[in-house]
PDB file of N, CA and C in Angstrom:
ATOM      1  N   MET A   1       0.853  -1.190  -0.019  1.00  0.00           N
ATOM      2  CA  MET A   1      -0.001  -0.039   0.049  1.00  0.00           C
ATOM      3  C   MET A   1       0.854   1.218   0.036  1.00  0.00           C
ATOM      4  N   GLN A   2       0.512   2.266  -0.940  1.00  0.00           N
ATOM      5  CA  GLN A   2       1.290   3.442  -0.985  1.00  0.00           C
ATOM      6  C   GLN A   2       0.999   4.404   0.044  1.00  0.00           C
ATOM      7  N   LYS A   3       1.958   4.981   0.751  1.00  0.00           N
ATOM      8  CA  LYS A   3       1.848   6.102   1.678  1.00  0.00           C
ATOM      9  C   LYS A   3       1.361   7.377   1.147  1.00  0.00           C
ATOM     10  N   ASN A   4       0.433   8.167   1.759  1.00  0.00           N
ATOM     11  CA  ASN A   4       0.009   9.347   1.159  1.00  0.00           C
ATOM     12  C   ASN A   4       1.041  10.364   1.567  1.00  0.00           C
ATOM     13  N   THR A   5       1.699  11.047   0.509  1.00  0.00           N
ATOM     14  CA  THR A   5       2.715  11.970   0.642  1.00  0.00           C
ATOM     15  C   THR A   5       2.271  13.306   0.596  1.00  0.00           C
ATOM     16  N   GLY A   6       1.055  13.607   0.569  1.00  0.00           N
ATOM     17  CA  GLY A   6       0.565  14.967   0.513  1.00  0.00           C
ATOM     18  C   GLY A   6      -0.015  15.310  -0.814  1.00  0.00           C
ATOM     19  N   PRO A   7      -0.052  16.632  -1.171  1.00  0.00           N
ATOM     20  CA  PRO A   7      -0.684  17.096  -2.277  1.00  0.00           C
ATOM     21  C   PRO A   7       0.260  16.728  -3.384  1.00  0.00           C
ATOM     22  N   MET A   8      -0.438  16.671  -4.643  1.00  0.00           N
ATOM     23  CA  MET A   8       0.260  16.265  -5.834  1.00  0.00           C
ATOM     24  C   MET A   8       1.398  17.294  -6.236  1.00  0.00           C
ATOM     25  N   VAL A   9       1.102  18.577  -6.129  1.00  0.00           N
ATOM     26  CA  VAL A   9       2.023  19.800  -6.332  1.00  0.00           C
ATOM     27  C   VAL A   9       2.252  20.450  -5.074  1.00  0.00           C
ATOM     28  N   PRO A  10       3.458  20.432  -4.590  1.00  0.00           N
ATOM     29  CA  PRO A  10       3.638  21.112  -3.236  1.00  0.00           C
ATOM     30  C   PRO A  10       3.414  22.555  -3.365  1.00  0.00           C
ATOM     31  N   LEU A  11       2.925  23.114  -2.232  1.00  0.00           N
ATOM     32  CA  LEU A  11       2.474  24.498  -2.198  1.00  0.00           C
ATOM     33  C   LEU A  11       3.523  25.471  -2.621  1.00  0.00           C
ATOM     34  N   HIS A  12       4.908  25.184  -2.259  1.00  0.00           N
ATOM     35  CA  HIS A  12       5.904  26.148  -2.766  1.00  0.00           C
ATOM     36  C   HIS A  12       6.165  26.243  -4.229  1.00  0.00           C
ATOM     37  N   TYR A  13       5.704  25.367  -5.008  1.00  0.00           N
ATOM     38  CA  TYR A  13       5.696  25.439  -6.447  1.00  0.00           C
ATOM     39  C   TYR A  13       4.797  26.579  -6.823  1.00  0.00           C
ATOM     40  N   PHE A  14       3.628  26.596  -6.259  1.00  0.00           N
ATOM     41  CA  PHE A  14       2.620  27.580  -6.671  1.00  0.00           C
ATOM     42  C   PHE A  14       3.161  28.997  -6.036  1.00  0.00           C
ATOM     43  N   GLY A  15       3.947  28.846  -5.023  1.00  0.00           N
ATOM     44  CA  GLY A  15       4.517  30.161  -4.401  1.00  0.00           C
ATOM     45  C   GLY A  15       5.437  30.707  -5.192  1.00  0.00           C
ATOM     46  N   PHE A  16       6.434  29.973  -5.928  1.00  0.00           N
ATOM     47  CA  PHE A  16       7.393  30.421  -6.887  1.00  0.00           C
ATOM     48  C   PHE A  16       6.692  31.003  -8.015  1.00  0.00           C
ATOM     49  N   GLY A  17       5.687  30.514  -8.526  1.00  0.00           N
ATOM     50  CA  GLY A  17       4.901  30.933  -9.701  1.00  0.00           C
ATOM     51  C   GLY A  17       4.259  32.285  -9.316  1.00  0.00           C
ATOM     52  N   TYR A  18       3.655  32.377  -8.053  1.00  0.00           N
ATOM     53  CA  TYR A  18       3.095  33.608  -7.623  1.00  0.00           C
ATOM     54  C   TYR A  18       4.079  34.744  -7.561  1.00  0.00           C
ATOM     55  N   ALA A  19       5.343  34.389  -6.980  1.00  0.00           N
ATOM     56  CA  ALA A  19       6.386  35.414  -6.867  1.00  0.00           C
ATOM     57  C   ALA A  19       6.823  35.987  -8.241  1.00  0.00           C
ATOM     58  N   ALA A  20       6.888  35.010  -9.201  1.00  0.00           N
ATOM     59  CA  ALA A  20       7.257  35.361 -10.584  1.00  0.00           C
ATOM     60  C   ALA A  20       6.189  36.307 -11.061  1.00  0.00           C
ATOM     61  N   LEU A  21       5.007  35.920 -10.919  1.00  0.00           N
ATOM     62  CA  LEU A  21       3.893  36.730 -11.461  1.00  0.00           C
ATOM     63  C   LEU A  21       3.858  38.239 -10.852  1.00  0.00           C
ATOM     64  N   VAL A  22       4.083  38.281  -9.541  1.00  0.00           N
ATOM     65  CA  VAL A  22       4.173  39.735  -8.916  1.00  0.00           C
ATOM     66  C   VAL A  22       5.389  40.558  -9.455  1.00  0.00           C
ATOM     67  N   ALA A  23       6.579  39.838  -9.539  1.00  0.00           N
ATOM     68  CA  ALA A  23       7.733  40.518 -10.057  1.00  0.00           C
ATOM     69  C   ALA A  23       7.517  40.886 -11.415  1.00  0.00           C
ATOM     70  N   THR A  24       7.021  39.981 -12.313  1.00  0.00           N
ATOM     71  CA  THR A  24       6.758  40.308 -13.666  1.00  0.00           C
ATOM     72  C   THR A  24       5.710  41.490 -13.874  1.00  0.00           C
ATOM     73  N   GLY A  25       4.665  41.488 -12.987  1.00  0.00           N
ATOM     74  CA  GLY A  25       3.817  42.646 -13.051  1.00  0.00           C
ATOM     75  C   GLY A  25       4.487  43.982 -12.843  1.00  0.00           C
ATOM     76  N   GLY A  26       5.382  44.083 -11.908  1.00  0.00           N
ATOM     77  CA  GLY A  26       6.188  45.299 -11.658  1.00  0.00           C
ATOM     78  C   GLY A  26       6.875  45.659 -12.830  1.00  0.00           C
ATOM     79  N   ILE A  27       7.585  44.668 -13.476  1.00  0.00           N
ATOM     80  CA  ILE A  27       8.514  44.952 -14.699  1.00  0.00           C
ATOM     81  C   ILE A  27       7.620  45.407 -15.776  1.00  0.00           C
ATOM     82  N   ILE A  28       6.485  44.757 -16.008  1.00  0.00           N
ATOM     83  CA  ILE A  28       5.575  45.266 -17.050  1.00  0.00           C
ATOM     84  C   ILE A  28       5.035  46.665 -16.829  1.00  0.00           C
ATOM     85  N   GLY A  29       4.649  46.954 -15.628  1.00  0.00           N
ATOM     86  CA  GLY A  29       4.333  48.326 -15.181  1.00  0.00           C
ATOM     87  C   GLY A  29       5.393  49.428 -15.562  1.00  0.00           C
ATOM     88  N   TYR A  30       6.599  48.993 -15.369  1.00  0.00           N
ATOM     89  CA  TYR A  30       7.661  49.972 -15.617  1.00  0.00           C
ATOM     90  C   TYR A  30       7.868  50.017 -17.161  1.00  0.00           C
ATOM     91  N   ALA A  31       7.839  48.893 -17.878  1.00  0.00           N
ATOM     92  CA  ALA A  31       7.960  48.992 -19.317  1.00  0.00           C
ATOM     93  C   ALA A  31       6.830  49.614 -20.037  1.00  0.00           C
ATOM     94  N   LYS A  32       5.654  49.400 -19.646  1.00  0.00           N
ATOM     95  CA  LYS A  32       4.486  50.110 -20.302  1.00  0.00           C
ATOM     96  C   LYS A  32       4.192  51.576 -19.966  1.00  0.00           C
ATOM     97  N   ALA A  33       4.472  51.933 -18.703  1.00  0.00           N
ATOM     98  CA  ALA A  33       4.098  53.286 -18.179  1.00  0.00           C
ATOM     99  C   ALA A  33       5.368  54.098 -17.764  1.00  0.00           C
ATOM    100  N   GLY A  34       6.517  53.480 -17.589  1.00  0.00           N
ATOM    101  CA  GLY A  34       7.654  54.067 -16.965  1.00  0.00           C
ATOM    102  C   GLY A  34       7.429  54.295 -15.506  1.00  0.00           C
ATOM    103  N   SER A  35       6.665  53.390 -14.853  1.00  0.00           N
ATOM    104  CA  SER A  35       6.347  53.595 -13.422  1.00  0.00           C
ATOM    105  C   SER A  35       7.376  52.949 -12.553  1.00  0.00           C
ATOM    106  N   VAL A  36       8.325  53.833 -12.011  1.00  0.00           N
ATOM    107  CA  VAL A  36       9.351  53.234 -11.101  1.00  0.00           C
ATOM    108  C   VAL A  36       8.722  52.643  -9.846  1.00  0.00           C
ATOM    109  N   PRO A  37       7.684  53.330  -9.313  1.00  0.00           N
ATOM    110  CA  PRO A  37       7.053  52.714  -8.117  1.00  0.00           C
ATOM    111  C   PRO A  37       6.491  51.293  -8.304  1.00  0.00           C
ATOM    112  N   SER A  38       5.992  51.036  -9.494  1.00  0.00           N
ATOM    113  CA  SER A  38       5.463  49.693 -10.004  1.00  0.00           C
ATOM    114  C   SER A  38       6.631  48.661 -10.004  1.00  0.00           C
ATOM    115  N   LEU A  39       7.695  49.185 -10.412  1.00  0.00           N
ATOM    116  CA  LEU A  39       8.823  48.331 -10.691  1.00  0.00           C
ATOM    117  C   LEU A  39       9.392  47.975  -9.251  1.00  0.00           C
ATOM    118  N   ALA A  40       9.480  48.970  -8.309  1.00  0.00           N
ATOM    119  CA  ALA A  40      10.129  48.737  -7.036  1.00  0.00           C
ATOM    120  C   ALA A  40       9.221  47.890  -6.321  1.00  0.00           C
ATOM    121  N   ALA A  41       7.848  48.118  -6.148  1.00  0.00           N
ATOM    122  CA  ALA A  41       6.919  47.365  -5.471  1.00  0.00           C
ATOM    123  C   ALA A  41       6.799  45.921  -5.984  1.00  0.00           C
ATOM    124  N   GLY A  42       6.854  45.774  -7.340  1.00  0.00           N
ATOM    125  CA  GLY A  42       6.720  44.360  -7.855  1.00  0.00           C
ATOM    126  C   GLY A  42       8.021  43.602  -7.566  1.00  0.00           C
ATOM    127  N   LEU A  43       9.204  44.165  -7.632  1.00  0.00           N
ATOM    128  CA  LEU A  43      10.370  43.429  -7.256  1.00  0.00           C
ATOM    129  C   LEU A  43      10.484  43.214  -5.804  1.00  0.00           C
ATOM    130  N   PHE A  44      10.098  44.191  -4.944  1.00  0.00           N
ATOM    131  CA  PHE A  44      10.096  44.044  -3.532  1.00  0.00           C
ATOM    132  C   PHE A  44       9.102  42.770  -3.062  1.00  0.00           C
ATOM    133  N   PHE A  45       7.871  42.939  -3.496  1.00  0.00           N
ATOM    134  CA  PHE A  45       6.951  41.975  -2.977  1.00  0.00           C
ATOM    135  C   PHE A  45       7.224  40.632  -3.733  1.00  0.00           C
ATOM    136  N   GLY A  46       7.597  40.631  -4.963  1.00  0.00           N
ATOM    137  CA  GLY A  46       8.019  39.375  -5.664  1.00  0.00           C
ATOM    138  C   GLY A  46       9.225  38.690  -4.911  1.00  0.00           C
ATOM    139  N   SER A  47      10.129  39.474  -4.468  1.00  0.00           N
ATOM    140  CA  SER A  47      11.239  38.810  -3.746  1.00  0.00           C
ATOM    141  C   SER A  47      10.749  38.321  -2.453  1.00  0.00           C
ATOM    142  N   LEU A  48       9.809  39.065  -1.695  1.00  0.00           N
ATOM    143  CA  LEU A  48       9.357  38.587  -0.448  1.00  0.00           C
ATOM    144  C   LEU A  48       8.483  37.313  -0.659  1.00  0.00           C
ATOM    145  N   ALA A  49       7.774  37.237  -1.648  1.00  0.00           N
ATOM    146  CA  ALA A  49       6.991  35.944  -2.011  1.00  0.00           C
ATOM    147  C   ALA A  49       7.938  34.855  -2.385  1.00  0.00           C
ATOM    148  N   GLY A  50       9.080  35.081  -3.130  1.00  0.00           N
ATOM    149  CA  GLY A  50      10.002  34.129  -3.356  1.00  0.00           C
ATOM    150  C   GLY A  50      10.801  33.634  -2.169  1.00  0.00           C
ATOM    151  N   LEU A  51      11.070  34.473  -1.228  1.00  0.00           N
ATOM    152  CA  LEU A  51      11.534  34.098   0.091  1.00  0.00           C
ATOM    153  C   LEU A  51      10.606  33.137   0.852  1.00  0.00           C
ATOM    154  N   GLY A  52       9.265  33.540   0.858  1.00  0.00           N
ATOM    155  CA  GLY A  52       8.294  32.842   1.467  1.00  0.00           C
ATOM    156  C   GLY A  52       8.162  31.477   0.860  1.00  0.00           C
ATOM    157  N   ALA A  53       8.213  31.385  -0.398  1.00  0.00           N
ATOM    158  CA  ALA A  53       8.073  30.129  -1.111  1.00  0.00           C
ATOM    159  C   ALA A  53       9.292  29.151  -0.705  1.00  0.00           C
ATOM    160  N   TYR A  54      10.501  29.808  -0.703  1.00  0.00           N
ATOM    161  CA  TYR A  54      11.671  29.063  -0.358  1.00  0.00           C
ATOM    162  C   TYR A  54      11.525  28.565   1.125  1.00  0.00           C
ATOM    163  N   GLN A  55      11.070  29.324   1.940  1.00  0.00           N
ATOM    164  CA  GLN A  55      10.883  28.949   3.422  1.00  0.00           C
ATOM    165  C   GLN A  55       9.900  27.774   3.450  1.00  0.00           C
ATOM    166  N   LEU A  56       8.939  27.762   2.549  1.00  0.00           N
ATOM    167  CA  LEU A  56       7.978  26.677   2.576  1.00  0.00           C
ATOM    168  C   LEU A  56       8.538  25.454   2.092  1.00  0.00           C
ATOM    169  N   SER A  57       9.495  25.578   1.105  1.00  0.00           N
ATOM    170  CA  SER A  57      10.135  24.388   0.507  1.00  0.00           C
ATOM    171  C   SER A  57      11.053  23.736   1.619  1.00  0.00           C
ATOM    172  N   GLN A  58      11.537  24.453   2.644  1.00  0.00           N
ATOM    173  CA  GLN A  58      12.449  23.986   3.573  1.00  0.00           C
ATOM    174  C   GLN A  58      11.641  23.410   4.843  1.00  0.00           C
ATOM    175  N   ASP A  59      10.543  24.139   5.146  1.00  0.00           N
ATOM    176  CA  ASP A  59       9.665  23.730   6.237  1.00  0.00           C
ATOM    177  C   ASP A  59       8.185  24.128   5.956  1.00  0.00           C
ATOM    178  N   PRO A  60       7.336  23.142   5.744  1.00  0.00           N
ATOM    179  CA  PRO A  60       5.938  23.521   5.364  1.00  0.00           C
ATOM    180  C   PRO A  60       5.227  24.251   6.458  1.00  0.00           C
ATOM    181  N   ARG A  61       5.765  24.302   7.655  1.00  0.00           N
ATOM    182  CA  ARG A  61       5.119  24.994   8.720  1.00  0.00           C
ATOM    183  C   ARG A  61       5.484  26.558   8.744  1.00  0.00           C
ATOM    184  N   ASN A  62       6.458  26.875   8.064  1.00  0.00           N
ATOM    185  CA  ASN A  62       7.156  28.266   8.024  1.00  0.00           C
ATOM    186  C   ASN A  62       6.363  29.114   6.891  1.00  0.00           C
ATOM    187  N   ILE A  63       5.181  29.504   7.230  1.00  0.00           N
ATOM    188  CA  ILE A  63       4.348  30.205   6.212  1.00  0.00           C
ATOM    189  C   ILE A  63       4.265  31.787   6.422  1.00  0.00           C
ATOM    190  N   TRP A  64       4.788  32.175   7.520  1.00  0.00           N
ATOM    191  CA  TRP A  64       4.393  33.544   7.895  1.00  0.00           C
ATOM    192  C   TRP A  64       4.899  34.667   6.941  1.00  0.00           C
ATOM    193  N   VAL A  65       6.130  34.528   6.342  1.00  0.00           N
ATOM    194  CA  VAL A  65       6.554  35.631   5.381  1.00  0.00           C
ATOM    195  C   VAL A  65       5.551  35.525   4.118  1.00  0.00           C
ATOM    196  N   PHE A  66       5.271  34.406   3.729  1.00  0.00           N
ATOM    197  CA  PHE A  66       4.481  34.177   2.628  1.00  0.00           C
ATOM    198  C   PHE A  66       2.970  34.724   2.759  1.00  0.00           C
ATOM    199  N   LEU A  67       2.475  34.300   3.989  1.00  0.00           N
ATOM    200  CA  LEU A  67       1.178  34.723   4.301  1.00  0.00           C
ATOM    201  C   LEU A  67       1.060  36.275   4.439  1.00  0.00           C
ATOM    202  N   ALA A  68       2.020  36.954   5.145  1.00  0.00           N
ATOM    203  CA  ALA A  68       1.979  38.366   5.239  1.00  0.00           C
ATOM    204  C   ALA A  68       2.149  39.082   3.849  1.00  0.00           C
ATOM    205  N   THR A  69       3.030  38.537   2.996  1.00  0.00           N
ATOM    206  CA  THR A  69       3.184  39.186   1.711  1.00  0.00           C
ATOM    207  C   THR A  69       1.868  39.003   0.892  1.00  0.00           C
ATOM    208  N   SER A  70       1.371  37.773   0.783  1.00  0.00           N
ATOM    209  CA  SER A  70       0.211  37.664  -0.086  1.00  0.00           C
ATOM    210  C   SER A  70      -1.002  38.334   0.571  1.00  0.00           C
ATOM    211  N   GLY A  71      -1.122  38.332   1.845  1.00  0.00           N
ATOM    212  CA  GLY A  71      -2.221  39.140   2.466  1.00  0.00           C
ATOM    213  C   GLY A  71      -2.130  40.540   2.362  1.00  0.00           C
ATOM    214  N   THR A  72      -0.894  41.104   2.438  1.00  0.00           N
ATOM    215  CA  THR A  72      -0.800  42.599   2.155  1.00  0.00           C
ATOM    216  C   THR A  72      -1.125  42.950   0.755  1.00  0.00           C
ATOM    217  N   LEU A  73      -0.596  42.089  -0.121  1.00  0.00           N
ATOM    218  CA  LEU A  73      -0.940  42.491  -1.608  1.00  0.00           C
ATOM    219  C   LEU A  73      -2.351  42.248  -1.968  1.00  0.00           C
ATOM    220  N   ALA A  74      -2.998  41.239  -1.262  1.00  0.00           N
ATOM    221  CA  ALA A  74      -4.469  41.168  -1.449  1.00  0.00           C
ATOM    222  C   ALA A  74      -5.175  42.434  -1.032  1.00  0.00           C
ATOM    223  N   GLY A  75      -4.829  42.960   0.065  1.00  0.00           N
ATOM    224  CA  GLY A  75      -5.503  44.161   0.692  1.00  0.00           C
ATOM    225  C   GLY A  75      -5.191  45.395  -0.212  1.00  0.00           C
ATOM    226  N   ILE A  76      -3.915  45.598  -0.545  1.00  0.00           N
ATOM    227  CA  ILE A  76      -3.523  46.733  -1.303  1.00  0.00           C
ATOM    228  C   ILE A  76      -4.113  46.725  -2.763  1.00  0.00           C
ATOM    229  N   MET A  77      -3.891  45.685  -3.398  1.00  0.00           N
ATOM    230  CA  MET A  77      -4.354  45.519  -4.837  1.00  0.00           C
ATOM    231  C   MET A  77      -5.859  45.404  -4.847  1.00  0.00           C
ATOM    232  N   GLY A  78      -6.494  44.807  -3.757  1.00  0.00           N
ATOM    233  CA  GLY A  78      -7.962  44.668  -3.876  1.00  0.00           C
ATOM    234  C   GLY A  78      -8.622  46.090  -3.699  1.00  0.00           C
ATOM    235  N   MET A  79      -7.985  46.893  -2.875  1.00  0.00           N
ATOM    236  CA  MET A  79      -8.420  48.358  -2.751  1.00  0.00           C
ATOM    237  C   MET A  79      -8.226  49.054  -4.201  1.00  0.00           C
ATOM    238  N   ARG A  80      -7.139  48.905  -4.742  1.00  0.00           N
ATOM    239  CA  ARG A  80      -6.862  49.477  -6.028  1.00  0.00           C
ATOM    240  C   ARG A  80      -7.911  49.032  -7.051  1.00  0.00           C
ATOM    241  N   PHE A  81      -8.139  47.781  -7.030  1.00  0.00           N
ATOM    242  CA  PHE A  81      -9.096  47.202  -8.045  1.00  0.00           C
ATOM    243  C   PHE A  81     -10.586  47.755  -7.760  1.00  0.00           C
ATOM    244  N   TYR A  82     -10.894  47.829  -6.462  1.00  0.00           N
ATOM    245  CA  TYR A  82     -12.181  48.299  -6.040  1.00  0.00           C
ATOM    246  C   TYR A  82     -12.427  49.780  -6.542  1.00  0.00           C
ATOM    247  N   HIS A  83     -11.359  50.592  -6.467  1.00  0.00           N
ATOM    248  CA  HIS A  83     -11.533  51.980  -6.739  1.00  0.00           C
ATOM    249  C   HIS A  83     -11.440  52.255  -8.295  1.00  0.00           C
ATOM    250  N   SER A  84     -10.625  51.504  -8.944  1.00  0.00           N
ATOM    251  CA  SER A  84     -10.326  51.761 -10.407  1.00  0.00           C
ATOM    252  C   SER A  84     -11.270  50.882 -11.236  1.00  0.00           C
ATOM    253  N   GLY A  85     -11.681  49.674 -10.780  1.00  0.00           N
ATOM    254  CA  GLY A  85     -12.420  48.867 -11.597  1.00  0.00           C
ATOM    255  C   GLY A  85     -11.516  48.104 -12.762  1.00  0.00           C
ATOM    256  N   LYS A  86     -10.334  48.305 -12.720  1.00  0.00           N
ATOM    257  CA  LYS A  86      -9.537  47.794 -13.726  1.00  0.00           C
ATOM    258  C   LYS A  86      -8.848  46.353 -13.310  1.00  0.00           C
ATOM    259  N   PHE A  87      -9.147  45.427 -14.213  1.00  0.00           N
ATOM    260  CA  PHE A  87      -8.685  44.034 -13.893  1.00  0.00           C
ATOM    261  C   PHE A  87      -7.184  43.987 -13.914  1.00  0.00           C
ATOM    262  N   MET A  88      -6.546  44.694 -15.034  1.00  0.00           N
ATOM    263  CA  MET A  88      -5.144  44.522 -15.083  1.00  0.00           C
ATOM    264  C   MET A  88      -4.576  45.884 -14.543  1.00  0.00           C
ATOM    265  N   PRO A  89      -3.467  45.800 -13.616  1.00  0.00           N
ATOM    266  CA  PRO A  89      -3.010  44.651 -13.019  1.00  0.00           C
ATOM    267  C   PRO A  89      -3.564  44.404 -11.580  1.00  0.00           C
ATOM    268  N   ALA A  90      -4.317  45.359 -11.058  1.00  0.00           N
ATOM    269  CA  ALA A  90      -4.812  45.285  -9.730  1.00  0.00           C
ATOM    270  C   ALA A  90      -5.679  44.051  -9.475  1.00  0.00           C
ATOM    271  N   GLY A  91      -6.623  43.866 -10.350  1.00  0.00           N
ATOM    272  CA  GLY A  91      -7.585  42.708 -10.110  1.00  0.00           C
ATOM    273  C   GLY A  91      -6.961  41.412 -10.229  1.00  0.00           C
ATOM    274  N   LEU A  92      -6.025  41.302 -11.128  1.00  0.00           N
ATOM    275  CA  LEU A  92      -5.285  40.007 -11.303  1.00  0.00           C
ATOM    276  C   LEU A  92      -4.335  39.719 -10.144  1.00  0.00           C
ATOM    277  N   ILE A  93      -3.662  40.629  -9.610  1.00  0.00           N
ATOM    278  CA  ILE A  93      -2.782  40.425  -8.404  1.00  0.00           C
ATOM    279  C   ILE A  93      -3.658  40.284  -7.217  1.00  0.00           C
ATOM    280  N   ALA A  94      -4.738  41.000  -7.117  1.00  0.00           N
ATOM    281  CA  ALA A  94      -5.534  40.798  -5.916  1.00  0.00           C
ATOM    282  C   ALA A  94      -6.067  39.406  -5.853  1.00  0.00           C
ATOM    283  N   GLY A  95      -6.603  38.966  -6.972  1.00  0.00           N
ATOM    284  CA  GLY A  95      -7.200  37.578  -7.099  1.00  0.00           C
ATOM    285  C   GLY A  95      -6.138  36.503  -6.831  1.00  0.00           C
ATOM    286  N   ALA A  96      -4.984  36.691  -7.460  1.00  0.00           N
ATOM    287  CA  ALA A  96      -3.896  35.736  -7.251  1.00  0.00           C
ATOM    288  C   ALA A  96      -3.510  35.641  -5.625  1.00  0.00           C
ATOM    289  N   SER A  97      -3.450  36.789  -5.110  1.00  0.00           N
ATOM    290  CA  SER A  97      -3.086  36.966  -3.711  1.00  0.00           C
ATOM    291  C   SER A  97      -4.145  36.358  -2.766  1.00  0.00           C
ATOM    292  N   LEU A  98      -5.418  36.482  -3.108  1.00  0.00           N
ATOM    293  CA  LEU A  98      -6.471  35.923  -2.331  1.00  0.00           C
ATOM    294  C   LEU A  98      -6.478  34.414  -2.423  1.00  0.00           C
ATOM    295  N   LEU A  99      -6.077  33.842  -3.569  1.00  0.00           N
ATOM    296  CA  LEU A  99      -6.018  32.515  -3.798  1.00  0.00           C
ATOM    297  C   LEU A  99      -4.888  31.892  -2.961  1.00  0.00           C
ATOM    298  N   MET A 100      -3.677  32.629  -3.014  1.00  0.00           N
ATOM    299  CA  MET A 100      -2.525  32.170  -2.190  1.00  0.00           C
ATOM    300  C   MET A 100      -2.986  32.211  -0.678  1.00  0.00           C
ATOM    301  N   VAL A 101      -3.547  33.200  -0.165  1.00  0.00           N
ATOM    302  CA  VAL A 101      -3.935  33.251   1.209  1.00  0.00           C
ATOM    303  C   VAL A 101      -4.886  32.072   1.513  1.00  0.00           C
ATOM    304  N   ALA A 102      -5.941  31.856   0.639  1.00  0.00           N
ATOM    305  CA  ALA A 102      -6.749  30.675   0.842  1.00  0.00           C
ATOM    306  C   ALA A 102      -6.049  29.412   0.891  1.00  0.00           C
ATOM    307  N   LYS A 103      -5.139  29.180  -0.117  1.00  0.00           N
ATOM    308  CA  LYS A 103      -4.301  27.911  -0.137  1.00  0.00           C
ATOM    309  C   LYS A 103      -3.495  27.824   1.056  1.00  0.00           C
ATOM    310  N   LEU A 104      -2.915  28.825   1.582  1.00  0.00           N
ATOM    311  CA  LEU A 104      -2.064  28.794   2.798  1.00  0.00           C
ATOM    312  C   LEU A 104      -2.993  28.406   3.962  1.00  0.00           C
ATOM    313  N   GLY A 105      -4.140  28.900   4.105  1.00  0.00           N
ATOM    314  CA  GLY A 105      -5.136  28.743   5.131  1.00  0.00           C
ATOM    315  C   GLY A 105      -5.436  27.370   5.143  1.00  0.00           C
ATOM    316  N   ILE A 106      -5.833  26.736   3.977  1.00  0.00           N
ATOM    317  CA  ILE A 106      -6.190  25.286   3.866  1.00  0.00           C
ATOM    318  C   ILE A 106      -5.116  24.449   4.253  1.00  0.00           C
ATOM    319  N   SER A 107      -3.954  24.763   3.736  1.00  0.00           N
ATOM    320  CA  SER A 107      -2.693  23.986   4.123  1.00  0.00           C
ATOM    321  C   SER A 107      -2.461  23.971   5.524  1.00  0.00           C
ATOM    322  N   MET A 108      -2.689  25.003   6.259  1.00  0.00           N
ATOM    323  CA  MET A 108      -2.579  25.123   7.701  1.00  0.00           C
ATOM    324  C   MET A 108      -3.519  24.203   8.495  1.00  0.00           C
ATOM    325  N   LEU A 109      -4.772  24.162   8.027  1.00  0.00           N
ATOM    326  CA  LEU A 109      -5.846  23.493   8.614  1.00  0.00           C
ATOM    327  C   LEU A 109      -5.626  21.948   8.424  1.00  0.00           C
ATOM    328  N   ASN A 110      -5.016  21.602   7.228  1.00  0.00           N
ATOM    329  CA  ASN A 110      -4.841  20.260   6.932  1.00  0.00           C
ATOM    330  C   ASN A 110      -3.590  19.509   7.479  1.00  0.00           C
ATOM    331  N   ARG A 111      -2.615  20.348   7.968  1.00  0.00           N
ATOM    332  CA  ARG A 111      -1.423  19.783   8.306  1.00  0.00           C
ATOM    333  C   ARG A 111      -1.501  19.065   9.624  1.00  0.00           C
ATOM    334  N   PRO A 112      -0.804  17.974   9.757  1.00  0.00           N
ATOM    335  CA  PRO A 112      -0.874  17.220  11.017  1.00  0.00           C
ATOM    336  C   PRO A 112      -0.047  17.976  12.135  1.00  0.00           C
ATOM    337  N   GLU A 113      -0.481  17.733  13.398  1.00  0.00           N
ATOM    338  CA  GLU A 113       0.141  18.333  14.484  1.00  0.00           C
ATOM    339  C   GLU A 113       1.649  17.851  14.665  1.00  0.00           C
ATOM    340  N   PRO A 114       2.551  18.752  15.069  1.00  0.00           N
ATOM    341  CA  PRO A 114       3.976  18.237  15.211  1.00  0.00           C
ATOM    342  C   PRO A 114       4.121  17.254  16.341  1.00  0.00           C
TER     343      PRO A 114
END
């Protein structure tokens, strides 16, 4: 009988993809509009998300940097989306951030006690 090793795709793989999405969004914002704040924020939050994903890859219980990063982005970009009504980029990043917060929450609830 095969032992259950957890989810098919580990959470940190989604985390690295999310980090790449956030950083790429900042780069695109700079390329299209010349927005240095978009570049700085995208690279900063993308780096934090990458760090959080790396921490998850080392210890699945170490979620706090990733949770704080995705939660902060969900709030900030959610408010930008609410006020502007524009899906790109605010709605996309807010939605992806909410999904990451939900995925982290579900993984916290499903993990066995140490």
